[in-house]
Amino acid sequence: MSENTKIEWCDHTFNPWIGCTKVGPGCDNCYAEADFDKRRHVVSWGAGQPRKRTAASTWRNPLAWNRNHEQFFAKHGRRQRVFCASLADVFDNAVDPQWRADLFRLIEATPNLDWLLLTKRIGNVPNMLPLPFDFDRHFPNVWIGATVVSQQEADRDIPKLLQVPARVRFLSMEPLLGPVDVEDFLYIEHPHCIGFVPSTRYDHGYCDRCAGHESDPIHTSPKGKVDWVIVGGESGPGARPMHPDWARSLRDQCQAAGVPFLFKQWGEWAPHPEIIDASQGALFHRFEDGAWMQRDGKKAAGRMLDGCTWDQFPDSLEKP
């Protein structure tokens, strides 16, 4: 599926800079920190540490991918997806605003690419977009995603995501650390006043249900919804197991709502229906309900959920 990355849900990764600060439990075992800070010593992670802008040659890559659009579309029947940024956060407070402005100019210069901007700081997005900002005119190829790993983060951050007027809004629920109910965010919710007969809905211009004026947006504007959900378990040293039912529940919520669902990976831990014999040296984890997980490693654990590979995507833009 991927052209220049091993990440299952994109074709390319582009990092305009490297470095970040941990902001939640999903960051505990950050692979980028382990590689680029602890191992390679390219940049130091954390608050107050400078981010490292990548080379000019790296910034030219999206321009080449953009030029390759016709060949890619002919081969795959769709546009290229670019994940930005796998080693940083576009909406990180510590990033030079000029760098972010340069990034959005690059995005505008590559209209043949779908840019997937995933952030753990969704609350920063409205204040960090270039002004004036018009998704429909200048950035119809931008998808905005929020990382959500728990119910607490879902309740806090998904409403913020839905305030961003991107064409596609998505969730990356990796590493999934517990059961999460996102059902309320998977449907377009029309305000309670919509649907009444116009001639009887208003009295002198005011709604007889909520007393608001007929020009109030609540009477005309539906609430947005989450357009795509990615789920995955944790990999790498210190990985925490993901209960199979947590992933199944999210799959079922998406299927009921008609929202595309992608199961990225089990991570280090795979489900095992049998009780594991610890005397054989297997590393295992038993959840309170009796579900057993064995540490098989990412490759062996795979990415099949209940015997199926779930690779569903939202519709891309039409070919220009």
Protein backbone atom coordinates (compact mmCIF):
# COMPACT_ATOMS: atom_id res chain seq x y z
CA MET A 1 0.00 0.00 0.00
CA SER A 2 2.65 2.53 1.03
CA GLU A 3 5.19 4.07 -1.31
CA ASN A 4 7.77 5.58 1.04
CA THR A 5 6.69 4.54 4.54
CA LYS A 6 5.77 1.45 6.54
CA ILE A 7 2.79 3.20 8.11
CA GLU A 8 -0.29 1.40 6.84
CA TRP A 9 -2.59 4.39 6.39
CA CYS A 10 -0.44 6.68 4.24
CA ASP A 11 1.84 6.60 1.20
CA HIS A 12 4.49 9.04 2.41
CA THR A 13 5.64 10.62 5.64
CA PHE A 14 6.96 14.16 5.66
CA ASN A 15 8.65 15.73 8.67
CA PRO A 16 9.20 19.47 8.33
CA TRP A 17 11.01 19.38 11.67
CA ILE A 18 11.87 16.86 14.40
CA GLY A 19 11.23 17.02 18.12
CA CYS A 20 8.31 17.27 20.49
CA THR A 21 7.15 17.31 24.11
CA LYS A 22 5.16 14.52 25.73
CA VAL A 23 1.64 15.68 26.55
CA GLY A 24 -0.27 12.58 27.60
CA PRO A 25 -0.17 8.87 28.47
CA GLY A 26 -0.10 7.90 24.80
CA CYS A 27 3.33 9.56 24.61
CA ASP A 28 4.89 7.49 27.39
CA ASN A 29 6.76 5.13 25.05
CA CYS A 30 7.31 7.55 22.17
CA TYR A 31 9.11 5.78 19.32
CA ALA A 32 10.38 9.06 17.87
CA GLU A 33 12.02 10.07 21.14
CA ALA A 34 13.55 6.62 21.55
CA ASP A 35 15.08 6.78 18.08
CA PHE A 36 15.98 10.42 17.42
CA ASP A 37 16.80 11.49 20.97
CA LYS A 38 17.94 8.49 22.98
CA ARG A 39 19.60 6.52 20.16
CA ARG A 40 20.70 8.94 17.42
CA HIS A 41 20.97 12.10 19.55
CA VAL A 42 19.62 14.21 16.68
CA VAL A 43 17.37 16.38 18.87
CA SER A 44 16.40 16.54 22.54
CA TRP A 45 12.79 15.85 23.47
CA GLY A 46 10.84 17.98 25.90
CA ALA A 47 9.71 21.47 26.80
CA GLY A 48 12.26 24.20 26.21
CA GLN A 49 14.26 22.09 23.79
CA PRO A 50 14.79 23.42 20.24
CA ARG A 51 13.12 21.61 17.36
CA LYS A 52 15.31 20.69 14.39
CA ARG A 53 14.13 21.76 10.95
CA THR A 54 14.76 19.13 8.30
CA ALA A 55 16.92 19.65 5.22
CA ALA A 56 15.86 21.54 2.11
CA SER A 57 16.08 18.26 0.17
CA THR A 58 13.42 16.79 2.48
CA TRP A 59 11.16 19.77 1.83
CA ARG A 60 11.47 19.16 -1.93
CA ASN A 61 10.10 15.61 -1.67
CA PRO A 62 6.41 16.60 -1.59
CA LEU A 63 6.91 18.65 -4.76
CA ALA A 64 8.20 15.50 -6.49
CA TRP A 65 5.29 13.42 -5.17
CA ASN A 66 2.91 16.10 -6.41
CA ARG A 67 4.43 15.93 -9.91
CA ASN A 68 4.02 12.15 -9.86
CA HIS A 69 0.27 12.42 -9.36
CA GLU A 70 -0.82 11.22 -12.79
CA GLN A 71 1.31 8.07 -12.66
CA PHE A 72 0.22 7.27 -9.10
CA PHE A 73 -3.45 7.85 -9.88
CA ALA A 74 -3.25 5.66 -12.97
CA LYS A 75 -1.74 2.84 -10.91
CA HIS A 76 -3.84 3.11 -7.72
CA GLY A 77 -6.99 4.94 -8.77
CA ARG A 78 -6.65 7.47 -5.94
CA ARG A 79 -4.55 10.36 -4.66
CA GLN A 80 -1.44 10.09 -2.52
CA ARG A 81 -1.76 10.45 1.25
CA VAL A 82 1.01 12.25 3.15
CA PHE A 83 1.29 11.91 6.93
CA CYS A 84 2.74 15.08 8.47
CA ALA A 85 4.51 14.79 10.89
CA SER A 86 5.50 11.40 12.26
CA LEU A 87 8.45 12.72 14.29
CA ALA A 88 6.93 15.96 15.55
CA ASP A 89 3.63 17.84 15.91
CA VAL A 90 2.57 20.49 13.40
CA PHE A 91 0.74 22.38 16.15
CA ASP A 92 3.48 22.22 18.77
CA ASN A 93 3.76 25.46 20.77
CA ALA A 94 7.57 25.34 20.65
CA VAL A 95 7.78 25.45 16.85
CA ASP A 96 8.83 28.64 15.08
CA PRO A 97 5.61 30.07 13.53
CA GLN A 98 7.56 30.84 10.34
CA TRP A 99 8.26 27.12 9.90
CA ARG A 100 4.56 26.38 10.12
CA ALA A 101 3.82 29.15 7.61
CA ASP A 102 6.38 27.58 5.26
CA LEU A 103 4.64 24.23 5.67
CA PHE A 104 1.24 25.61 4.71
CA ARG A 105 2.74 27.27 1.65
CA LEU A 106 4.13 23.87 0.67
CA ILE A 107 0.73 22.26 1.20
CA GLU A 108 -0.91 24.90 -0.99
CA ALA A 109 1.76 24.29 -3.66
CA THR A 110 0.98 20.53 -3.75
CA PRO A 111 -2.75 20.32 -4.51
CA ASN A 112 -2.45 16.75 -5.84
CA LEU A 113 -1.56 15.40 -2.39
CA ASP A 114 -3.88 14.74 0.53
CA TRP A 115 -2.10 16.03 3.64
CA LEU A 116 -2.93 14.24 6.89
CA LEU A 117 -2.06 16.54 9.78
CA LEU A 118 -2.27 14.52 13.00
CA THR A 119 -1.88 16.32 16.32
CA LYS A 120 -1.97 15.71 20.04
CA ARG A 121 -2.69 19.42 20.46
CA ILE A 122 -6.01 19.81 18.67
CA GLY A 123 -6.88 22.81 20.84
CA ASN A 124 -4.01 24.75 19.25
CA VAL A 125 -5.25 24.32 15.68
CA PRO A 126 -7.60 27.34 15.37
CA ASN A 127 -4.88 29.74 16.55
CA MET A 128 -2.11 28.24 14.46
CA LEU A 129 -3.70 28.14 11.04
CA PRO A 130 -2.53 30.73 8.50
CA LEU A 131 -4.76 33.76 8.19
CA PRO A 132 -6.89 34.23 6.24
CA PHE A 133 -7.59 30.49 6.21
CA ASP A 134 -10.04 28.93 3.78
CA PHE A 135 -10.09 25.13 3.61
CA ASP A 136 -12.44 25.06 0.64
CA ARG A 137 -10.44 27.49 -1.52
CA HIS A 138 -6.83 26.99 -0.48
CA PHE A 139 -6.59 23.77 1.52
CA PRO A 140 -9.26 21.28 0.39
CA ASN A 141 -6.51 18.62 0.49
CA VAL A 142 -5.93 18.93 4.26
CA TRP A 143 -7.20 16.26 6.64
CA ILE A 144 -7.03 17.11 10.35
CA GLY A 145 -6.64 14.31 12.89
CA ALA A 146 -6.49 14.12 16.67
CA THR A 147 -4.73 11.43 18.67
CA VAL A 148 -7.13 9.95 21.24
CA VAL A 149 -6.10 7.04 23.47
CA SER A 150 -8.70 7.09 26.26
CA GLN A 151 -12.27 8.08 27.05
CA GLN A 152 -11.03 11.16 28.86
CA GLU A 153 -9.15 12.35 25.79
CA ALA A 154 -12.12 11.55 23.54
CA ASP A 155 -14.52 13.64 25.62
CA ARG A 156 -12.02 16.50 25.83
CA ASP A 157 -10.56 16.59 22.32
CA ILE A 158 -13.11 15.32 19.79
CA PRO A 159 -15.41 18.34 20.26
CA LYS A 160 -12.37 20.53 19.52
CA LEU A 161 -11.63 18.50 16.39
CA LEU A 162 -15.19 18.98 15.16
CA GLN A 163 -14.75 22.75 15.39
CA VAL A 164 -12.03 22.61 12.72
CA PRO A 165 -13.62 23.03 9.26
CA ALA A 166 -11.40 20.51 7.50
CA ARG A 167 -12.79 18.38 4.68
CA VAL A 168 -11.81 15.19 6.54
CA ARG A 169 -11.53 14.91 10.32
CA PHE A 170 -10.11 11.71 11.75
CA LEU A 171 -9.00 9.97 14.94
CA SER A 172 -5.78 8.09 15.51
CA MET A 173 -6.50 5.86 18.50
CA GLU A 174 -3.03 4.46 18.95
CA PRO A 175 -1.86 3.29 21.36
CA LEU A 176 -5.38 2.45 22.50
CA LEU A 177 -5.15 2.30 26.30
CA GLY A 178 -8.73 1.51 27.28
CA PRO A 179 -12.32 1.19 26.10
CA VAL A 180 -13.60 4.31 24.33
CA ASP A 181 -17.11 5.23 23.25
CA VAL A 182 -17.09 7.65 20.30
CA GLU A 183 -20.57 6.87 18.97
CA ASP A 184 -21.95 10.36 19.55
CA PHE A 185 -19.21 11.81 17.35
CA LEU A 186 -19.78 9.52 14.35
CA TYR A 187 -23.07 11.02 13.20
CA ILE A 188 -24.00 14.41 11.79
CA GLU A 189 -26.27 15.85 14.45
CA HIS A 190 -28.89 18.29 13.28
CA PRO A 191 -30.08 20.72 15.96
CA HIS A 192 -33.31 19.76 17.68
CA CYS A 193 -35.23 22.59 16.00
CA ILE A 194 -34.65 21.42 12.42
CA GLY A 195 -37.50 19.43 10.90
CA PHE A 196 -40.48 21.42 12.02
CA VAL A 197 -42.87 22.89 9.44
CA PRO A 198 -41.44 26.33 8.61
CA SER A 199 -44.79 28.06 8.87
CA THR A 200 -45.24 26.94 12.47
CA ARG A 201 -41.62 26.84 13.66
CA TYR A 202 -41.24 30.55 14.42
CA ASP A 203 -43.34 33.16 16.15
CA HIS A 204 -42.32 36.64 15.01
CA GLY A 205 -38.95 35.21 13.97
CA TYR A 206 -38.28 33.28 17.16
CA CYS A 207 -38.22 29.51 17.48
CA ASP A 208 -41.05 28.03 19.53
CA ARG A 209 -38.72 25.24 20.76
CA CYS A 210 -35.64 27.10 22.00
CA ALA A 211 -36.73 30.77 21.76
CA GLY A 212 -33.70 31.54 19.60
CA HIS A 213 -34.00 33.75 16.53
CA GLU A 214 -34.47 32.03 13.17
CA SER A 215 -31.11 33.42 12.00
CA ASP A 216 -29.29 31.61 14.80
CA PRO A 217 -26.90 29.01 13.29
CA ILE A 218 -28.43 26.33 15.53
CA HIS A 219 -31.45 26.32 13.20
CA THR A 220 -29.52 25.81 10.00
CA SER A 221 -26.11 24.26 10.66
CA PRO A 222 -25.61 20.58 11.42
CA LYS A 223 -22.75 19.58 13.70
CA GLY A 224 -19.85 17.87 11.95
CA LYS A 225 -18.74 14.33 12.58
CA VAL A 226 -15.62 12.18 12.68
CA ASP A 227 -14.98 10.88 9.17
CA TRP A 228 -12.42 8.13 9.86
CA VAL A 229 -11.09 6.12 12.80
CA ILE A 230 -7.66 4.44 13.01
CA VAL A 231 -7.05 1.99 15.87
CA GLY A 232 -3.85 0.28 16.94
CA GLY A 233 -1.98 -1.29 19.82
CA GLU A 234 1.40 -0.22 21.11
CA SER A 235 4.74 -1.51 19.85
CA GLY A 236 8.29 -1.21 21.08
CA PRO A 237 9.88 -1.59 24.52
CA GLY A 238 7.43 -1.13 27.36
CA ALA A 239 4.42 -1.64 25.08
CA ARG A 240 1.09 -1.96 26.87
CA PRO A 241 -1.37 -4.65 25.71
CA MET A 242 -4.66 -3.67 24.05
CA HIS A 243 -7.74 -5.70 24.99
CA PRO A 244 -9.37 -7.17 21.85
CA ASP A 245 -12.79 -5.90 22.92
CA TRP A 246 -11.57 -2.31 22.94
CA ALA A 247 -10.74 -2.58 19.23
CA ARG A 248 -13.88 -4.59 18.42
CA SER A 249 -16.11 -2.00 20.05
CA LEU A 250 -14.66 0.83 18.00
CA ARG A 251 -14.95 -1.24 14.83
CA ASP A 252 -18.60 -1.97 15.59
CA GLN A 253 -19.34 1.68 16.39
CA CYS A 254 -17.85 2.71 13.06
CA GLN A 255 -19.63 0.01 11.10
CA ALA A 256 -22.99 0.98 12.59
CA ALA A 257 -22.42 4.62 11.66
CA GLY A 258 -20.97 3.93 8.21
CA VAL A 259 -17.63 5.51 9.18
CA PRO A 260 -14.46 4.01 7.65
CA PHE A 261 -12.40 2.00 10.15
CA LEU A 262 -8.74 1.01 9.85
CA PHE A 263 -7.10 -1.46 12.21
CA LYS A 264 -3.42 -0.62 12.06
CA GLN A 265 -1.84 -3.27 14.27
CA TRP A 266 -2.02 -5.29 17.47
CA GLY A 267 1.43 -4.02 18.39
CA GLU A 268 3.66 -6.17 20.56
CA TRP A 269 0.79 -8.10 22.14
CA ALA A 270 -1.55 -10.49 20.34
CA PRO A 271 -4.71 -12.11 21.73
CA HIS A 272 -4.57 -15.80 22.64
CA PRO A 273 -7.79 -17.68 23.41
CA GLU A 274 -6.03 -20.37 25.39
CA ILE A 275 -4.55 -20.07 28.86
CA ILE A 276 -0.84 -19.58 28.33
CA ASP A 277 1.71 -21.88 29.90
CA ALA A 278 4.14 -19.47 31.52
CA SER A 279 6.59 -22.29 32.10
CA GLN A 280 7.36 -22.24 28.36
CA GLY A 281 8.89 -18.80 28.69
CA ALA A 282 6.07 -16.86 27.03
CA LEU A 283 5.52 -13.28 28.12
CA PHE A 284 1.82 -12.88 28.76
CA HIS A 285 -0.78 -10.56 30.25
CA ARG A 286 -4.17 -11.52 31.65
CA PHE A 287 -6.94 -8.92 31.79
CA GLU A 288 -9.41 -8.99 34.66
CA ASP A 289 -12.12 -10.53 32.49
CA GLY A 290 -9.85 -13.47 31.66
CA ALA A 291 -8.66 -12.37 28.22
CA TRP A 292 -5.08 -13.47 27.55
CA MET A 293 -2.49 -11.58 25.55
CA GLN A 294 0.93 -12.88 24.59
CA ARG A 295 3.92 -10.78 23.61
CA ASP A 296 4.59 -12.10 20.12
CA GLY A 297 6.23 -8.99 18.66
CA LYS A 298 4.71 -6.56 16.16
CA LYS A 299 5.36 -8.62 13.04
CA ALA A 300 4.01 -11.90 14.43
CA ALA A 301 1.03 -10.22 16.08
CA GLY A 302 -0.02 -8.76 12.73
CA ARG A 303 -3.02 -6.58 12.03
CA MET A 304 -5.99 -8.87 11.57
CA LEU A 305 -9.01 -8.30 13.78
CA ASP A 306 -11.34 -11.30 14.05
CA GLY A 307 -9.82 -12.83 10.94
CA CYS A 308 -10.17 -9.72 8.77
CA THR A 309 -7.88 -6.91 7.65
CA TRP A 310 -9.67 -3.60 8.12
CA ASP A 311 -8.33 -1.08 5.61
CA GLN A 312 -11.16 1.40 5.12
CA PHE A 313 -10.51 5.00 4.09
CA PRO A 314 -12.63 8.12 3.60
CA ASP A 315 -13.19 9.22 0.04
CA SER A 316 -10.40 11.27 -1.44
CA LEU A 317 -10.78 14.33 -3.62
CA GLU A 318 -11.64 13.65 -7.22
CA LYS A 319 -8.78 13.62 -9.69
CA PRO A 320 -8.02 17.25 -10.68
